[in-house]
Amino acid sequence: MGRYICCFCDESIEENVTALMVETNWSDNNEDNKEFQQLFCHFDCLKGMLCKSEYLYISEG
């Protein structure tokens, strides 16, 4: 497995990598203005950063 670092805690992710896809200019219909970036994190770190755990509809697999 490649080396992944959690974008929240800055620790290495050894297994069960969670990826977030960030898209800018979401409401802009011009595809040229959109940018994407993939970020990696621990699932528990992601859950801990949410103000309400109900926002996360998935579970760690």
N, C-alpha and C. Protein backbone atom coordinates (compact mmCIF):
# COMPACT_ATOMS: atom_id res chain seq x y z
N MET A 1 0.85 -1.17 0.00
CA MET A 1 0.00 0.00 0.00
C MET A 1 0.89 1.24 0.00
N GLY A 2 0.45 2.27 -0.68
CA GLY A 2 1.20 3.52 -0.70
C GLY A 2 1.15 4.22 0.65
N ARG A 3 1.90 5.27 0.75
CA ARG A 3 1.95 6.01 2.01
C ARG A 3 0.89 7.10 2.00
N TYR A 4 -0.01 7.07 2.95
CA TYR A 4 -1.07 8.06 3.08
C TYR A 4 -0.95 8.74 4.44
N ILE A 5 -1.17 10.05 4.46
CA ILE A 5 -1.13 10.83 5.69
C ILE A 5 -2.50 11.45 5.90
N CYS A 6 -3.03 11.37 7.10
CA CYS A 6 -4.34 11.92 7.42
C CYS A 6 -4.29 13.45 7.38
N CYS A 7 -5.23 14.06 6.65
CA CYS A 7 -5.26 15.51 6.53
C CYS A 7 -5.76 16.20 7.80
N PHE A 8 -6.25 15.43 8.77
CA PHE A 8 -6.72 16.01 10.03
C PHE A 8 -5.70 15.88 11.15
N CYS A 9 -5.13 14.68 11.33
CA CYS A 9 -4.21 14.47 12.46
C CYS A 9 -2.75 14.40 12.04
N ASP A 10 -2.48 14.36 10.74
CA ASP A 10 -1.13 14.32 10.19
C ASP A 10 -0.37 13.04 10.53
N GLU A 11 -1.10 11.98 10.89
CA GLU A 11 -0.50 10.68 11.17
C GLU A 11 -0.64 9.77 9.96
N SER A 12 0.22 8.78 9.87
CA SER A 12 0.19 7.81 8.78
C SER A 12 -1.09 6.96 8.85
N ILE A 13 -1.63 6.62 7.68
CA ILE A 13 -2.79 5.74 7.59
C ILE A 13 -2.29 4.38 7.13
N GLU A 14 -2.41 3.39 7.99
CA GLU A 14 -1.86 2.07 7.69
C GLU A 14 -2.86 1.17 6.97
N GLU A 15 -4.15 1.33 7.22
CA GLU A 15 -5.18 0.50 6.56
C GLU A 15 -6.49 1.27 6.54
N ASN A 16 -7.44 0.79 5.75
CA ASN A 16 -8.75 1.41 5.63
C ASN A 16 -8.66 2.91 5.33
N VAL A 17 -7.98 3.24 4.25
CA VAL A 17 -7.81 4.64 3.85
C VAL A 17 -9.16 5.22 3.45
N THR A 18 -9.49 6.38 3.97
CA THR A 18 -10.69 7.11 3.59
C THR A 18 -10.25 8.27 2.72
N ALA A 19 -10.92 8.48 1.60
CA ALA A 19 -10.58 9.57 0.69
C ALA A 19 -11.74 10.54 0.60
N LEU A 20 -11.42 11.82 0.62
CA LEU A 20 -12.41 12.88 0.44
C LEU A 20 -12.13 13.55 -0.89
N MET A 21 -13.16 13.85 -1.65
CA MET A 21 -13.00 14.58 -2.90
C MET A 21 -13.54 15.99 -2.68
N VAL A 22 -12.69 16.97 -2.85
CA VAL A 22 -13.07 18.37 -2.70
C VAL A 22 -13.25 18.96 -4.09
N GLU A 23 -14.39 19.59 -4.31
CA GLU A 23 -14.66 20.25 -5.59
C GLU A 23 -14.95 21.72 -5.32
N THR A 24 -14.23 22.60 -6.00
CA THR A 24 -14.48 24.03 -5.86
C THR A 24 -15.44 24.48 -6.95
N ASN A 25 -16.08 25.59 -6.72
CA ASN A 25 -17.05 26.17 -7.67
C ASN A 25 -18.16 25.17 -7.99
N TRP A 26 -18.71 24.56 -6.98
CA TRP A 26 -19.74 23.53 -7.10
C TRP A 26 -20.94 24.02 -7.90
N SER A 27 -21.40 25.23 -7.65
CA SER A 27 -22.61 25.72 -8.29
C SER A 27 -22.36 26.37 -9.65
N ASP A 28 -21.12 26.49 -10.04
CA ASP A 28 -20.78 27.10 -11.32
C ASP A 28 -20.96 26.07 -12.43
N ASN A 29 -21.73 26.42 -13.45
CA ASN A 29 -21.99 25.49 -14.55
C ASN A 29 -20.82 25.40 -15.53
N ASN A 30 -19.84 26.26 -15.40
CA ASN A 30 -18.68 26.26 -16.29
C ASN A 30 -17.64 25.26 -15.76
N GLU A 31 -17.49 24.14 -16.45
CA GLU A 31 -16.56 23.10 -16.00
C GLU A 31 -15.11 23.58 -15.93
N ASP A 32 -14.77 24.62 -16.70
CA ASP A 32 -13.40 25.15 -16.69
C ASP A 32 -13.07 25.82 -15.36
N ASN A 33 -14.07 26.23 -14.59
CA ASN A 33 -13.85 26.91 -13.31
C ASN A 33 -13.76 25.94 -12.15
N LYS A 34 -14.06 24.67 -12.38
CA LYS A 34 -14.06 23.69 -11.30
C LYS A 34 -12.66 23.11 -11.10
N GLU A 35 -12.33 22.87 -9.85
CA GLU A 35 -11.08 22.20 -9.51
C GLU A 35 -11.39 21.10 -8.51
N PHE A 36 -10.59 20.04 -8.54
CA PHE A 36 -10.80 18.89 -7.68
C PHE A 36 -9.49 18.54 -6.96
N GLN A 37 -9.64 18.08 -5.74
CA GLN A 37 -8.48 17.57 -5.00
C GLN A 37 -8.95 16.42 -4.12
N GLN A 38 -8.17 15.37 -4.07
CA GLN A 38 -8.46 14.23 -3.21
C GLN A 38 -7.62 14.35 -1.95
N LEU A 39 -8.26 14.22 -0.80
CA LEU A 39 -7.59 14.26 0.50
C LEU A 39 -7.82 12.92 1.19
N PHE A 40 -6.88 12.52 2.03
CA PHE A 40 -6.96 11.23 2.72
C PHE A 40 -7.05 11.45 4.22
N CYS A 41 -7.74 10.54 4.90
CA CYS A 41 -7.88 10.69 6.35
C CYS A 41 -8.25 9.35 6.98
N HIS A 42 -8.14 9.31 8.30
CA HIS A 42 -8.69 8.20 9.06
C HIS A 42 -10.20 8.43 9.15
N PHE A 43 -10.97 7.37 9.06
CA PHE A 43 -12.43 7.50 9.16
C PHE A 43 -12.82 8.13 10.49
N ASP A 44 -12.18 7.70 11.58
CA ASP A 44 -12.51 8.25 12.90
C ASP A 44 -12.16 9.73 13.00
N CYS A 45 -11.11 10.17 12.33
CA CYS A 45 -10.77 11.59 12.33
C CYS A 45 -11.85 12.40 11.61
N LEU A 46 -12.31 11.86 10.49
CA LEU A 46 -13.39 12.53 9.75
C LEU A 46 -14.63 12.64 10.62
N LYS A 47 -15.03 11.54 11.24
CA LYS A 47 -16.21 11.56 12.12
C LYS A 47 -16.04 12.57 13.24
N GLY A 48 -14.84 12.65 13.80
CA GLY A 48 -14.58 13.56 14.91
C GLY A 48 -14.61 15.03 14.51
N MET A 49 -14.42 15.33 13.24
CA MET A 49 -14.40 16.71 12.78
C MET A 49 -15.80 17.23 12.43
N LEU A 50 -16.75 16.35 12.28
CA LEU A 50 -18.11 16.76 11.92
C LEU A 50 -18.83 17.34 13.14
N CYS A 51 -19.57 18.41 12.93
CA CYS A 51 -20.31 18.98 14.06
C CYS A 51 -21.49 18.10 14.45
N LYS A 52 -22.01 17.29 13.50
CA LYS A 52 -23.06 16.32 13.79
C LYS A 52 -22.69 15.02 13.08
N SER A 53 -22.61 13.95 13.83
CA SER A 53 -22.23 12.67 13.23
C SER A 53 -23.28 12.19 12.22
N GLU A 54 -24.50 12.73 12.28
CA GLU A 54 -25.55 12.33 11.34
C GLU A 54 -25.24 12.76 9.91
N TYR A 55 -24.31 13.70 9.73
CA TYR A 55 -23.94 14.13 8.38
C TYR A 55 -23.23 13.04 7.60
N LEU A 56 -22.68 12.07 8.29
CA LEU A 56 -21.95 10.99 7.65
C LEU A 56 -22.86 9.77 7.55
N TYR A 57 -23.26 9.44 6.33
CA TYR A 57 -24.20 8.35 6.12
C TYR A 57 -23.52 7.01 5.87
N ILE A 58 -22.22 7.00 5.76
CA ILE A 58 -21.49 5.76 5.49
C ILE A 58 -20.82 5.28 6.78
N SER A 59 -20.37 4.05 6.76
CA SER A 59 -19.63 3.52 7.90
C SER A 59 -18.31 2.95 7.40
N GLU A 60 -17.37 2.83 8.29
CA GLU A 60 -16.07 2.29 7.90
C GLU A 60 -16.24 0.82 7.55
N GLY A 61 -15.73 0.46 6.38
CA GLY A 61 -15.92 -0.91 5.89
C GLY A 61 -14.86 -1.81 6.17
